[in-house]
């Protein structure tokens, strides 16, 4: 069974009626949800860079700190 082609329907949004207190509550919730999300993303990025540095080799030679400097 074939369906007739669907014609394009255009919609124009002219107004959004949101009370101010509900809008503030939404932004407070979004801000509070972003805090743990930031830490999760930060941990993922740190693990990624630790893996990159383990593969590359760290890029720094700290062996100069092992030498005894003559006085």
N, C-alpha and C. Protein backbone atom coordinates (compact mmCIF):
# COMPACT_ATOMS: atom_id res chain seq x y z
N UNK A 1 0.85 -1.17 0.00
CA UNK A 1 0.00 0.00 0.00
C UNK A 1 0.89 1.24 0.00
N UNK A 2 0.71 2.09 -0.95
CA UNK A 2 1.51 3.30 -1.04
C UNK A 2 0.73 4.47 -0.46
N UNK A 3 1.49 5.34 0.17
CA UNK A 3 0.88 6.54 0.75
C UNK A 3 1.08 7.71 -0.20
N UNK A 4 0.15 8.64 -0.18
CA UNK A 4 0.34 9.83 -1.02
C UNK A 4 1.50 10.66 -0.47
N UNK A 5 2.19 11.38 -1.34
CA UNK A 5 3.33 12.19 -0.86
C UNK A 5 2.88 13.25 0.14
N UNK A 6 3.70 13.46 1.11
CA UNK A 6 3.40 14.45 2.15
C UNK A 6 3.84 15.83 1.65
N UNK A 7 2.93 16.78 1.75
CA UNK A 7 3.26 18.14 1.33
C UNK A 7 3.96 18.86 2.48
N UNK A 8 4.85 19.78 2.13
CA UNK A 8 5.55 20.57 3.14
C UNK A 8 4.56 21.47 3.87
N UNK A 9 4.68 21.47 5.18
CA UNK A 9 3.88 22.38 5.99
C UNK A 9 4.84 23.29 6.74
N UNK A 10 4.67 24.56 6.57
CA UNK A 10 5.55 25.54 7.21
C UNK A 10 4.87 26.10 8.44
N UNK A 11 5.66 26.31 9.49
CA UNK A 11 5.15 26.87 10.74
C UNK A 11 6.00 28.06 11.12
N UNK A 12 5.34 29.13 11.53
CA UNK A 12 6.04 30.32 11.99
C UNK A 12 5.72 30.51 13.46
N UNK A 13 6.75 30.55 14.28
CA UNK A 13 6.58 30.73 15.72
C UNK A 13 6.63 32.22 16.01
N UNK A 14 5.58 32.73 16.62
CA UNK A 14 5.51 34.17 16.85
C UNK A 14 5.67 34.56 18.31
N UNK A 15 5.36 33.66 19.25
CA UNK A 15 5.43 34.03 20.66
C UNK A 15 5.60 32.78 21.51
N UNK A 16 6.39 32.92 22.55
CA UNK A 16 6.53 31.86 23.55
C UNK A 16 6.14 32.48 24.88
N UNK A 17 5.13 31.92 25.50
CA UNK A 17 4.63 32.47 26.74
C UNK A 17 5.13 31.60 27.91
N UNK A 18 6.27 32.02 28.50
CA UNK A 18 6.85 31.29 29.62
C UNK A 18 6.95 32.25 30.79
N UNK A 19 6.38 31.88 31.94
CA UNK A 19 6.50 32.77 33.10
C UNK A 19 7.97 32.92 33.53
N UNK A 20 8.29 34.09 34.04
CA UNK A 20 9.67 34.41 34.40
C UNK A 20 10.21 33.45 35.45
N UNK A 21 9.42 33.10 36.43
CA UNK A 21 9.90 32.23 37.50
C UNK A 21 10.23 30.83 36.98
N UNK A 22 9.45 30.33 36.04
CA UNK A 22 9.75 29.02 35.46
C UNK A 22 11.01 29.08 34.62
N UNK A 23 11.23 30.21 33.95
CA UNK A 23 12.44 30.38 33.16
C UNK A 23 13.67 30.44 34.06
N UNK A 24 13.56 31.16 35.17
CA UNK A 24 14.66 31.22 36.14
C UNK A 24 14.93 29.84 36.73
N UNK A 25 13.87 29.12 37.07
CA UNK A 25 14.04 27.78 37.62
C UNK A 25 14.74 26.86 36.62
N UNK A 26 14.39 26.98 35.35
CA UNK A 26 15.05 26.17 34.33
C UNK A 26 16.54 26.47 34.26
N UNK A 27 16.90 27.74 34.28
CA UNK A 27 18.32 28.10 34.18
C UNK A 27 19.09 27.71 35.44
N UNK A 28 18.46 27.77 36.59
CA UNK A 28 19.12 27.32 37.82
C UNK A 28 19.37 25.81 37.75
N UNK A 29 18.39 25.05 37.30
CA UNK A 29 18.56 23.60 37.17
C UNK A 29 19.64 23.28 36.14
N UNK A 30 19.65 24.00 35.03
CA UNK A 30 20.67 23.76 34.01
C UNK A 30 22.06 24.07 34.54
N UNK A 31 22.18 25.13 35.32
CA UNK A 31 23.48 25.47 35.91
C UNK A 31 23.93 24.41 36.90
N UNK A 32 23.03 23.96 37.74
CA UNK A 32 23.39 22.93 38.71
C UNK A 32 23.72 21.60 38.02
N UNK A 33 23.08 21.32 36.92
CA UNK A 33 23.38 20.09 36.18
C UNK A 33 24.72 20.20 35.45
N UNK A 34 25.13 21.41 35.11
CA UNK A 34 26.38 21.59 34.38
C UNK A 34 27.60 21.39 35.26
N UNK A 35 27.47 21.59 36.56
CA UNK A 35 28.63 21.47 37.46
C UNK A 35 29.18 20.04 37.47
N UNK A 36 28.37 19.01 37.77
CA UNK A 36 28.95 17.66 37.71
C UNK A 36 29.33 17.24 36.28
N UNK A 37 28.61 17.76 35.30
CA UNK A 37 28.96 17.44 33.91
C UNK A 37 30.35 17.98 33.57
N UNK A 38 30.68 19.16 34.09
CA UNK A 38 32.00 19.74 33.87
C UNK A 38 33.08 18.83 34.45
N UNK A 39 32.88 18.34 35.66
CA UNK A 39 33.88 17.48 36.29
C UNK A 39 34.02 16.16 35.54
N UNK A 40 32.93 15.62 35.06
CA UNK A 40 33.00 14.37 34.30
C UNK A 40 33.79 14.57 33.00
N UNK A 41 33.50 15.65 32.30
CA UNK A 41 34.23 15.93 31.06
C UNK A 41 35.69 16.21 31.37
N UNK A 42 35.98 16.91 32.47
CA UNK A 42 37.36 17.21 32.86
C UNK A 42 38.12 15.92 33.14
N UNK A 43 37.50 14.97 33.82
CA UNK A 43 38.16 13.70 34.11
C UNK A 43 38.43 12.93 32.82
N UNK A 44 37.46 12.93 31.91
CA UNK A 44 37.65 12.24 30.63
C UNK A 44 38.81 12.86 29.85
N UNK A 45 38.88 14.19 29.82
CA UNK A 45 39.96 14.87 29.11
C UNK A 45 41.31 14.58 29.77
N UNK A 46 41.36 14.57 31.10
CA UNK A 46 42.62 14.28 31.80
C UNK A 46 43.09 12.85 31.52
N UNK A 47 42.16 11.89 31.52
CA UNK A 47 42.53 10.51 31.21
C UNK A 47 43.05 10.41 29.78
N UNK A 48 42.41 11.12 28.86
CA UNK A 48 42.86 11.13 27.48
C UNK A 48 44.28 11.69 27.38
N UNK A 49 44.55 12.83 28.03
CA UNK A 49 45.88 13.42 27.95
C UNK A 49 46.92 12.58 28.67
N UNK A 50 46.54 11.89 29.73
CA UNK A 50 47.47 10.99 30.39
C UNK A 50 47.85 9.85 29.44
N UNK A 51 46.88 9.34 28.70
CA UNK A 51 47.17 8.28 27.72
C UNK A 51 48.07 8.80 26.61
N UNK A 52 47.79 10.02 26.13
CA UNK A 52 48.63 10.61 25.09
C UNK A 52 50.05 10.79 25.60
N UNK A 53 50.20 11.31 26.80
CA UNK A 53 51.54 11.52 27.36
C UNK A 53 52.25 10.20 27.63
N UNK A 54 51.51 9.15 27.97
CA UNK A 54 52.14 7.84 28.17
C UNK A 54 52.66 7.29 26.85
N UNK A 55 51.94 7.53 25.78
CA UNK A 55 52.37 7.04 24.46
C UNK A 55 53.53 7.88 23.94
N UNK A 56 53.44 9.19 24.08
CA UNK A 56 54.46 10.08 23.56
C UNK A 56 55.73 10.00 24.41
N UNK A 57 55.58 9.76 25.68
CA UNK A 57 56.74 9.63 26.54
C UNK A 57 56.89 10.78 27.51
N UNK A 58 55.92 11.60 27.59
CA UNK A 58 55.98 12.69 28.55
C UNK A 58 56.55 13.95 27.98
N UNK A 59 57.54 13.84 27.11
CA UNK A 59 58.09 15.02 26.46
C UNK A 59 59.09 15.80 27.28
N UNK A 60 59.31 15.46 28.55
CA UNK A 60 60.26 16.18 29.40
C UNK A 60 61.30 15.21 29.94
N UNK A 61 62.51 15.69 30.03
CA UNK A 61 63.58 14.88 30.59
C UNK A 61 63.93 15.47 31.95
N UNK A 62 63.54 14.80 33.02
CA UNK A 62 63.78 15.29 34.37
C UNK A 62 65.05 14.70 34.97
N UNK A 63 65.90 14.04 34.15
CA UNK A 63 67.09 13.41 34.69
C UNK A 63 68.10 14.43 35.20
N UNK A 64 68.04 15.67 34.75
CA UNK A 64 68.98 16.68 35.21
C UNK A 64 68.80 16.97 36.70
N UNK A 65 67.67 16.66 37.26
CA UNK A 65 67.45 16.88 38.68
C UNK A 65 68.17 15.84 39.53
N UNK A 66 68.61 14.75 38.94
CA UNK A 66 69.27 13.70 39.68
C UNK A 66 70.76 13.96 39.89
N UNK A 67 71.32 14.90 39.16
CA UNK A 67 72.74 15.17 39.27
C UNK A 67 73.06 15.97 40.53
N UNK A 68 74.20 15.68 41.11
CA UNK A 68 74.68 16.47 42.26
C UNK A 68 75.48 17.63 41.73
N UNK A 69 75.09 18.79 42.09
CA UNK A 69 75.80 19.96 41.60
C UNK A 69 77.02 20.21 42.48
N UNK A 70 78.18 20.40 41.87
CA UNK A 70 79.38 20.69 42.68
C UNK A 70 79.30 22.11 43.20
N UNK A 71 79.75 22.29 44.44
CA UNK A 71 79.72 23.61 45.05
C UNK A 71 81.06 24.25 44.98
